[in-house]
Protein backbone atom coordinates (compact mmCIF):
# COMPACT_ATOMS: atom_id res chain seq x y z
CA MET A 1 44.64 77.64 -15.01
CA ASN A 2 45.77 77.98 -11.52
CA ILE A 3 45.99 75.41 -8.70
CA CYS A 4 43.24 76.95 -6.72
CA GLU A 5 40.59 76.90 -9.64
CA PRO A 6 39.50 73.30 -9.10
CA PHE A 7 38.74 74.02 -5.30
CA ILE A 8 36.81 77.26 -6.14
CA ARG A 9 34.71 75.43 -8.92
CA ARG A 10 33.91 72.45 -6.75
CA PRO A 11 33.17 73.42 -3.35
CA VAL A 12 31.67 70.07 -2.35
CA MET A 13 34.94 68.19 -3.19
CA THR A 14 36.89 70.83 -1.47
CA SER A 15 34.64 70.41 1.87
CA LEU A 16 35.25 66.65 1.63
CA LEU A 17 38.80 66.77 1.12
CA MET A 18 39.45 69.11 4.29
CA LEU A 19 37.07 67.09 6.07
CA ALA A 20 39.39 63.86 5.19
CA ILE A 21 42.54 65.62 6.01
CA LEU A 22 41.15 66.68 9.56
CA LEU A 23 39.95 63.21 10.13
CA PHE A 24 43.22 61.68 9.36
CA GLY A 25 44.96 64.23 11.56
CA ILE A 26 43.02 63.33 14.48
CA VAL A 27 43.62 59.59 14.05
CA GLY A 28 47.33 60.16 13.45
CA TYR A 29 47.33 62.57 16.57
CA ARG A 30 45.91 59.87 18.74
CA ASN A 31 48.45 57.11 17.62
CA LEU A 32 51.39 59.22 18.15
CA ALA A 33 54.19 57.47 20.43
CA VAL A 34 54.54 59.32 23.82
CA SER A 35 57.46 58.51 26.10
CA ASP A 36 56.72 57.90 29.81
CA LEU A 37 60.17 58.93 30.64
CA PRO A 38 61.08 61.91 28.18
CA ASN A 39 64.75 62.69 28.06
CA VAL A 40 64.84 66.16 30.01
CA ASP A 41 68.01 67.47 31.38
CA PHE A 42 67.08 68.70 34.75
CA PRO A 43 69.69 71.10 36.32
CA THR A 44 71.43 68.76 38.83
CA ILE A 45 74.28 69.16 41.04
CA GLN A 46 76.23 66.57 43.13
CA VAL A 47 78.02 67.26 46.33
CA SER A 48 80.70 65.00 47.60
CA ALA A 49 82.41 65.00 50.95
CA GLY A 50 85.13 62.57 52.66
CA LEU A 51 86.10 61.66 56.10
CA PRO A 52 88.44 58.74 55.89
CA GLY A 53 87.52 56.00 58.65
CA ALA A 54 84.12 57.53 59.65
CA SER A 55 81.27 55.18 59.79
CA PRO A 56 78.22 55.65 57.64
CA GLU A 57 76.39 56.81 60.83
CA THR A 58 78.94 59.37 61.39
CA MET A 59 79.06 60.66 58.03
CA ALA A 60 75.18 61.06 57.86
CA SER A 61 75.06 62.78 61.23
CA SER A 62 78.22 64.98 61.38
CA VAL A 63 78.59 65.68 57.41
CA ALA A 64 75.51 65.22 55.57
CA THR A 65 73.04 66.71 58.09
CA PRO A 66 74.81 70.26 58.31
CA LEU A 67 74.94 70.33 54.45
CA GLU A 68 71.35 69.33 53.83
CA LYS A 69 70.36 71.92 56.23
CA GLN A 70 71.98 74.75 54.17
CA PHE A 71 71.05 73.29 50.71
CA THR A 72 67.13 73.48 51.87
CA THR A 73 67.38 77.41 51.81
CA ILE A 74 68.37 77.33 48.09
CA ALA A 75 65.62 78.66 45.57
CA GLY A 76 64.42 76.37 43.00
CA LEU A 77 65.34 73.07 44.63
CA ASP A 78 63.12 70.24 43.68
CA SER A 79 64.44 67.23 45.44
CA MET A 80 67.60 66.31 47.38
CA THR A 81 68.92 62.85 47.86
CA SER A 82 71.97 61.86 50.04
CA THR A 83 74.04 58.48 50.48
CA SER A 84 76.39 57.91 53.40
CA SER A 85 78.95 55.00 53.42
CA LEU A 86 82.08 54.34 55.06
CA GLY A 87 84.29 57.44 54.86
CA SER A 88 82.11 59.32 52.23
CA THR A 89 78.93 61.04 51.63
CA GLN A 90 77.24 62.05 48.33
CA ILE A 91 74.23 64.44 48.16
CA THR A 92 72.43 65.15 44.81
CA LEU A 93 70.44 68.25 44.24
CA GLN A 94 67.86 68.52 41.62
CA PHE A 95 66.57 71.91 40.54
CA ASP A 96 63.37 72.85 38.47
CA LEU A 97 63.70 73.39 34.68
CA SER A 98 63.35 77.31 35.10
CA ARG A 99 66.60 77.49 37.25
CA ASN A 100 69.71 78.02 35.53
CA ILE A 101 72.56 75.51 36.43
CA ASP A 102 75.30 78.17 36.51
CA SER A 103 73.50 80.19 39.10
CA ALA A 104 72.48 77.34 41.30
CA ALA A 105 75.97 76.12 41.24
CA LEU A 106 77.03 79.53 42.96
CA ASP A 107 74.33 79.04 45.43
CA VAL A 108 75.59 75.49 46.25
CA GLN A 109 79.01 76.90 46.73
CA SER A 110 77.71 79.52 49.28
CA ALA A 111 75.72 76.98 51.05
CA ILE A 112 78.86 74.71 51.37
CA SER A 113 80.84 77.75 52.81
CA ALA A 114 78.04 78.51 55.13
CA ALA A 115 77.95 74.75 56.43
CA SER A 116 81.91 74.53 56.66
CA ARG A 117 81.79 75.74 60.48
CA GLN A 118 79.44 72.91 61.30
CA LEU A 119 81.58 70.23 59.66
CA PRO A 120 84.20 68.12 61.34
CA PRO A 121 87.51 69.92 61.73
CA ASN A 122 89.63 67.02 60.71
CA MET A 123 88.03 66.60 57.19
CA PRO A 124 90.94 66.20 55.01
CA SER A 125 89.48 68.55 52.23
CA PRO A 126 86.46 70.66 51.98
CA PRO A 127 83.22 69.23 50.28
CA THR A 128 83.20 69.40 46.29
CA PHE A 129 80.42 69.70 43.77
CA ARG A 130 80.08 69.11 39.95
CA LYS A 131 77.27 69.40 37.60
CA VAL A 132 75.78 65.98 36.63
CA ASN A 133 73.12 64.51 34.32
CA PRO A 134 71.36 61.65 36.26
CA ALA A 135 70.28 60.28 32.76
CA ASP A 136 73.77 59.87 31.41
CA SER A 137 75.67 56.55 31.88
CA PRO A 138 79.29 55.35 31.03
CA ILE A 139 79.91 54.84 27.36
CA PHE A 140 82.90 52.80 28.14
CA LEU A 141 84.08 50.30 30.99
CA LEU A 142 87.52 49.29 31.43
CA ALA A 143 88.57 46.72 34.12
CA VAL A 144 92.17 46.40 35.18
CA THR A 145 93.29 43.26 36.97
CA SER A 146 96.74 41.62 37.83
CA PRO A 147 97.26 38.09 39.14
CA THR A 148 100.50 39.23 40.94
CA LEU A 149 100.05 42.86 41.97
CA PRO A 150 97.97 43.83 45.05
CA LEU A 151 94.99 45.79 44.56
CA TYR A 152 96.46 49.11 45.80
CA ASP A 153 99.22 49.10 43.17
CA VAL A 154 96.85 48.01 40.41
CA ASP A 155 94.72 51.09 41.62
CA LYS A 156 97.61 53.29 41.47
CA TYR A 157 98.10 52.43 37.91
CA ALA A 158 94.44 52.85 37.05
CA GLU A 159 94.09 56.14 38.75
CA ASN A 160 97.58 57.86 38.03
CA LEU A 161 98.07 56.44 34.43
CA ILE A 162 94.96 55.31 32.72
CA ALA A 163 92.46 57.79 34.35
CA GLU A 164 94.96 60.90 33.73
CA GLN A 165 95.78 59.93 30.10
CA SER A 166 92.10 59.10 29.41
CA SER A 167 90.68 62.47 30.62
CA MET A 168 92.89 64.40 28.05
CA VAL A 169 90.73 62.75 25.21
CA PRO A 170 88.83 65.65 23.56
CA GLY A 171 85.18 65.51 24.16
CA LEU A 172 85.45 63.34 27.03
CA ALA A 173 83.38 64.71 30.03
CA GLN A 174 84.54 62.65 33.01
CA VAL A 175 86.72 59.71 34.02
CA ALA A 176 85.76 57.82 37.43
CA ALA A 177 87.93 55.08 38.95
CA PHE A 178 86.19 52.66 41.22
CA GLY A 179 87.36 49.66 43.29
CA ALA A 180 90.34 50.94 45.56
CA ALA A 181 91.31 49.30 48.52
CA LYS A 182 91.93 52.46 50.73
CA TYR A 183 91.82 51.58 54.36
CA ALA A 184 91.66 54.21 57.34
CA VAL A 185 91.03 53.86 60.80
CA ARG A 186 89.90 56.77 63.16
CA VAL A 187 91.79 56.46 66.61
CA HIS A 188 90.40 58.46 69.47
CA LEU A 189 92.97 59.22 72.33
CA ASP A 190 92.31 60.14 75.83
CA PRO A 191 94.68 62.63 76.92
CA GLN A 192 94.18 62.23 80.70
CA ALA A 193 94.60 58.37 80.40
CA LEU A 194 97.68 58.91 78.48
CA ALA A 195 99.21 61.38 80.94
CA SER A 196 98.27 59.13 83.81
CA ARG A 197 100.34 56.17 82.19
CA GLN A 198 103.07 58.44 81.04
CA ILE A 199 102.46 57.51 77.53
CA GLY A 200 103.33 59.65 74.38
CA ILE A 201 102.39 58.97 70.63
CA ASP A 202 105.13 60.83 69.13
CA GLN A 203 108.24 58.84 69.82
CA VAL A 204 108.38 57.59 66.11
CA THR A 205 107.85 61.12 64.84
CA GLU A 206 110.38 62.47 67.19
CA ALA A 207 112.92 60.03 65.76
CA GLY A 208 112.29 60.87 62.14
CA GLY A 209 109.94 58.28 61.25
CA VAL A 210 105.97 58.27 60.05
CA PRO A 211 104.04 56.22 62.48
CA VAL A 212 101.11 54.01 60.61
CA LEU A 213 98.35 52.64 62.90
CA LEU A 214 97.34 49.23 61.44
CA PRO A 215 93.79 47.67 62.53
CA PRO A 216 93.66 43.97 63.41
CA VAL A 217 91.58 43.06 60.28
CA PRO A 218 91.99 39.97 57.99
CA GLY A 219 94.61 40.70 55.28
CA VAL A 220 96.32 43.51 57.23
CA ALA A 221 99.63 41.75 56.32
CA THR A 222 99.54 42.75 52.77
CA ALA A 223 100.12 46.39 54.17
CA ILE A 224 103.77 45.11 55.03
CA ALA A 225 104.90 45.87 51.37
CA ARG A 226 104.43 49.39 52.00
CA LEU A 227 105.97 49.84 55.29
CA ASP A 228 109.74 50.11 56.33
CA ALA A 229 109.61 48.75 59.90
CA LEU A 230 107.21 46.91 62.29
CA VAL A 231 106.63 47.89 66.12
CA LEU A 232 104.41 45.30 67.96
CA THR A 233 103.15 47.07 70.86
CA GLY A 234 101.92 46.48 74.32
CA GLY A 235 98.17 45.37 75.17
CA GLY A 236 96.11 42.47 76.61
CA ASP A 237 97.31 38.97 77.16
CA VAL A 238 98.28 36.52 74.14
CA ASP A 239 95.70 33.92 73.83
CA PRO A 240 97.16 30.82 75.47
CA ALA A 241 95.85 28.58 72.77
CA ASN A 242 98.49 30.05 70.60
CA TYR A 243 101.12 28.22 72.45
CA GLY A 244 98.95 25.02 73.43
CA ALA A 245 97.81 26.11 76.98
CA ALA A 246 94.57 26.50 78.60
CA ALA A 247 93.87 30.11 79.89
CA GLY A 248 94.69 30.57 83.50
CA PRO A 249 92.46 32.39 86.05
CA ARG A 250 94.46 35.85 85.89
CA THR A 251 94.59 35.75 82.04
CA ALA A 252 92.68 38.74 80.69
CA ARG A 253 91.99 41.07 77.81
CA VAL A 254 92.62 38.32 75.21
CA HIS A 255 91.72 39.27 71.60
CA PRO A 256 92.37 36.24 69.26
CA GLU A 257 91.69 38.36 66.26
CA ARG A 258 94.43 40.69 67.33
CA ASP A 259 96.91 37.77 67.81
CA GLN A 260 96.02 36.58 64.48
CA ALA A 261 96.62 39.67 62.66
CA GLU A 262 99.69 40.45 64.44
CA LEU A 263 101.26 37.10 63.96
CA GLU A 264 100.78 37.42 60.15
CA LEU A 265 102.30 40.73 60.28
CA LEU A 266 105.16 39.52 62.07
CA ALA A 267 105.71 36.66 59.59
CA ALA A 268 105.29 39.04 56.58
CA ALA A 269 107.77 41.45 58.31
CA LEU A 270 110.50 38.84 58.80
CA ALA A 271 110.03 37.47 55.53
CA ALA A 272 110.15 40.75 53.94
CA GLY A 273 113.31 41.57 55.91
CA LEU A 274 112.02 44.57 57.71
CA PRO A 275 113.28 45.76 61.12
CA VAL A 276 111.07 44.54 64.04
CA LEU A 277 110.78 45.99 67.65
CA GLY A 278 108.44 44.29 70.16
CA ILE A 279 107.42 46.04 73.42
CA CYS A 280 105.83 44.20 76.30
CA ARG A 281 103.16 42.08 74.86
CA GLY A 282 105.02 42.43 71.36
CA MET A 283 108.03 40.44 72.97
CA GLN A 284 105.80 37.76 74.23
CA LEU A 285 104.33 37.58 70.85
CA LEU A 286 107.56 37.29 69.26
CA ASN A 287 108.22 34.44 71.57
CA VAL A 288 105.12 32.68 70.94
CA ALA A 289 105.51 33.00 67.10
CA ARG A 290 108.76 31.29 67.37
CA GLY A 291 107.29 28.33 69.47
CA GLY A 292 108.03 29.46 73.04
CA THR A 293 105.66 29.46 75.83
CA LEU A 294 104.61 32.10 78.54
CA CYS A 295 104.11 32.24 82.23
CA GLN A 296 100.50 33.34 82.49
CA HIS A 297 101.03 35.16 85.86
CA LEU A 298 104.09 36.54 87.86
CA PRO A 299 103.81 36.71 91.64
CA ALA A 300 102.92 40.22 92.89
CA GLU A 301 105.84 40.46 95.02
CA ALA A 302 108.04 40.11 91.86
CA GLY A 303 107.40 43.80 91.29
CA HIS A 304 106.60 43.63 87.86
CA THR A 305 102.83 44.61 88.16
CA PRO A 306 102.39 48.02 89.58
CA THR A 307 99.29 49.56 90.57
CA PRO A 308 96.87 49.55 87.60
CA GLY A 309 97.09 52.63 85.45
CA THR A 310 100.76 53.23 86.51
CA PHE A 311 104.42 52.01 85.72
CA GLY A 312 106.58 50.72 88.06
CA SER A 313 110.42 50.61 87.67
CA HIS A 314 113.20 48.15 88.42
CA GLN A 315 116.73 47.23 87.21
CA VAL A 316 117.69 45.06 84.25
CA ARG A 317 121.08 43.44 83.55
CA LEU A 318 122.08 43.69 79.87
CA ALA A 319 124.05 40.80 78.07
CA PRO A 320 127.60 42.18 77.10
CA GLY A 321 128.01 42.16 73.25
CA SER A 322 124.24 41.91 72.55
CA GLN A 323 122.54 44.41 70.03
CA LEU A 324 120.50 45.58 72.94
CA ALA A 325 123.55 46.63 74.81
CA SER A 326 125.26 48.35 71.86
CA ILE A 327 122.13 50.50 71.56
CA LEU A 328 121.58 51.28 75.30
CA ARG A 329 125.26 51.05 76.59
CA PRO A 330 127.46 52.28 73.63
CA GLY A 331 131.04 50.61 73.81
CA ASN A 332 131.04 46.84 74.61
CA GLY A 333 127.76 47.12 76.67
CA ALA A 334 129.55 45.62 79.66
CA ASP A 335 128.68 48.46 82.05
CA PRO A 336 128.35 46.69 85.48
CA ALA A 337 125.56 49.15 86.54
CA GLY A 338 121.99 48.09 86.07
CA LEU A 339 119.55 49.91 83.60
CA ALA A 340 116.38 51.08 85.42
CA VAL A 341 113.39 50.74 83.07
CA PRO A 342 109.51 51.48 83.36
CA THR A 343 107.58 48.30 83.66
CA ALA A 344 103.93 46.92 83.89
CA HIS A 345 103.23 43.34 83.02
CA HIS A 346 102.06 40.21 84.72
CA GLN A 347 103.08 37.72 82.01
CA ALA A 348 106.52 36.74 81.06
CA ILE A 349 108.50 34.50 78.76
CA ASP A 350 108.66 30.86 80.21
CA ARG A 351 110.18 28.62 77.52
CA LEU A 352 112.29 30.68 74.99
CA GLY A 353 111.35 30.32 71.38
CA GLU A 354 113.33 28.63 68.72
CA GLY A 355 116.28 30.91 67.64
CA LEU A 356 115.60 33.74 69.97
CA VAL A 357 118.61 34.83 72.41
CA ALA A 358 117.89 36.42 75.74
CA SER A 359 119.79 39.84 76.12
CA ALA A 360 118.42 41.26 79.37
CA TRP A 361 117.15 39.84 82.62
CA ALA A 362 115.22 41.23 85.74
CA PRO A 363 116.98 40.66 89.26
CA ASP A 364 114.70 37.75 89.88
CA GLY A 365 115.71 36.12 86.57
CA VAL A 366 112.70 37.11 84.38
CA ILE A 367 113.77 37.57 80.86
CA GLU A 368 113.32 41.27 79.99
CA ALA A 369 114.68 41.30 76.15
CA VAL A 370 115.25 38.94 73.45
CA GLU A 371 116.94 39.18 69.99
CA LEU A 372 116.70 37.09 66.87
CA PRO A 373 119.87 36.78 65.14
CA SER A 374 119.96 37.64 61.54
CA GLY A 375 119.52 34.79 58.99
CA GLU A 376 119.03 34.58 55.42
CA GLY A 377 116.84 37.43 53.97
CA GLN A 378 116.21 38.78 57.74
CA HIS A 379 116.99 42.11 58.73
CA PRO A 380 119.53 42.18 61.38
CA PHE A 381 117.45 44.57 63.72
CA THR A 382 114.97 42.19 65.22
CA LEU A 383 114.64 42.69 68.96
CA ALA A 384 111.85 43.01 71.87
CA VAL A 385 111.87 44.44 75.29
CA GLN A 386 109.59 43.46 78.24
CA TRP A 387 109.27 47.00 79.49
CA HIS A 388 107.88 50.05 78.18
CA PRO A 389 110.35 52.46 76.46
CA GLU A 390 107.84 54.78 75.41
CA ALA A 391 106.63 55.48 79.09
CA GLY A 392 110.23 56.99 79.97
CA GLU A 393 112.57 59.64 78.59
CA ASP A 394 114.90 57.14 76.78
CA ARG A 395 114.19 57.28 72.82
CA ARG A 396 117.29 55.35 71.93
CA LEU A 397 115.54 52.23 70.93
CA VAL A 398 113.01 53.78 68.66
CA SER A 399 115.69 55.88 67.18
CA ALA A 400 117.77 52.67 66.58
CA LEU A 401 114.49 51.54 64.90
CA VAL A 402 113.97 54.31 62.60
CA ALA A 403 117.72 54.33 61.78
CA ALA A 404 117.53 50.63 60.74
CA ALA A 405 114.27 51.21 58.58
CA ALA A 406 116.14 54.04 56.74
CA GLY A 407 119.07 51.91 56.25
CA GLY A 408 121.33 53.42 58.69
């Protein structure tokens, strides 16, 4: 007897059994679980591009748009989404399932190369891309904090130590670090306006230093820990409220947010023992920070305010034995001849701030330079001038600042 014999001898039973199996199969099929979102790995590539300091609008129009135009020509592209934020753009490309991810990556590379001629020339690096899986999520999150270190130092340890070491773990696909406080500012200079004012932007570079532009934003004083010196430059009038006065009719271009940021920077630089150089408004700010006051407008006949957009010139008398005289008049600084300086200001020091010592005067008695004698923890190079050394050919002041910053 074999296993088929009962089914052959009893055809009715066999038919009923087959019918029952078919019925149970239909019922079971209708009750099978079906995922609304099946886990399907679509070929996906993410393109990243950065332009430090650029606004989201600039990133979208100048970076994302040229790339997107090239990506639309790639065969098999199902969808494309882009996100632009401050200084960065991310474009996600998803291809249909029939497209090989490696061949798609070659097409993406070709499209980036074709779009490179339309991208901003000041991008620090070309766009990059990588294969991603949108369904993937991090399997391990690590938070790094410190009650004492600033955020940029914490980020340095996270990116250069933890992330690099973690990326060497076998089987680990990707390590990403987030939360860095990286600031950048884009500065657009008008060459014609600079030339008309005889202003250059390379004096610090020529003296061997590296200039860093600091935006007047809250918390900017934390950058002092990464600097070697501070230059307070010229600009609009200091807000009279900072020295307890009402604004006069000729006081103009007042920016309280800049005053606040630079006062914080100055306090932090003095506390950290950094050399400080003030220029024009910078000298006035130093005086206000030390409790002094300002004359809000000098008479036109005094000769300190030339035609707008130009620099005038007048003589200044240096105090013998002062630090300023030792820089500009080597020796004992007692040269009887005056020093011709480029000038353009309508305000000046009225009451000298606490601890400041005047070290140069105009022929009409206006204070043209001040120094702050070194104290405990303070750098010996803390001086400011009312004129604009950057508008002339004399680089000795800036060179002395760079030398002081370098420890010379």
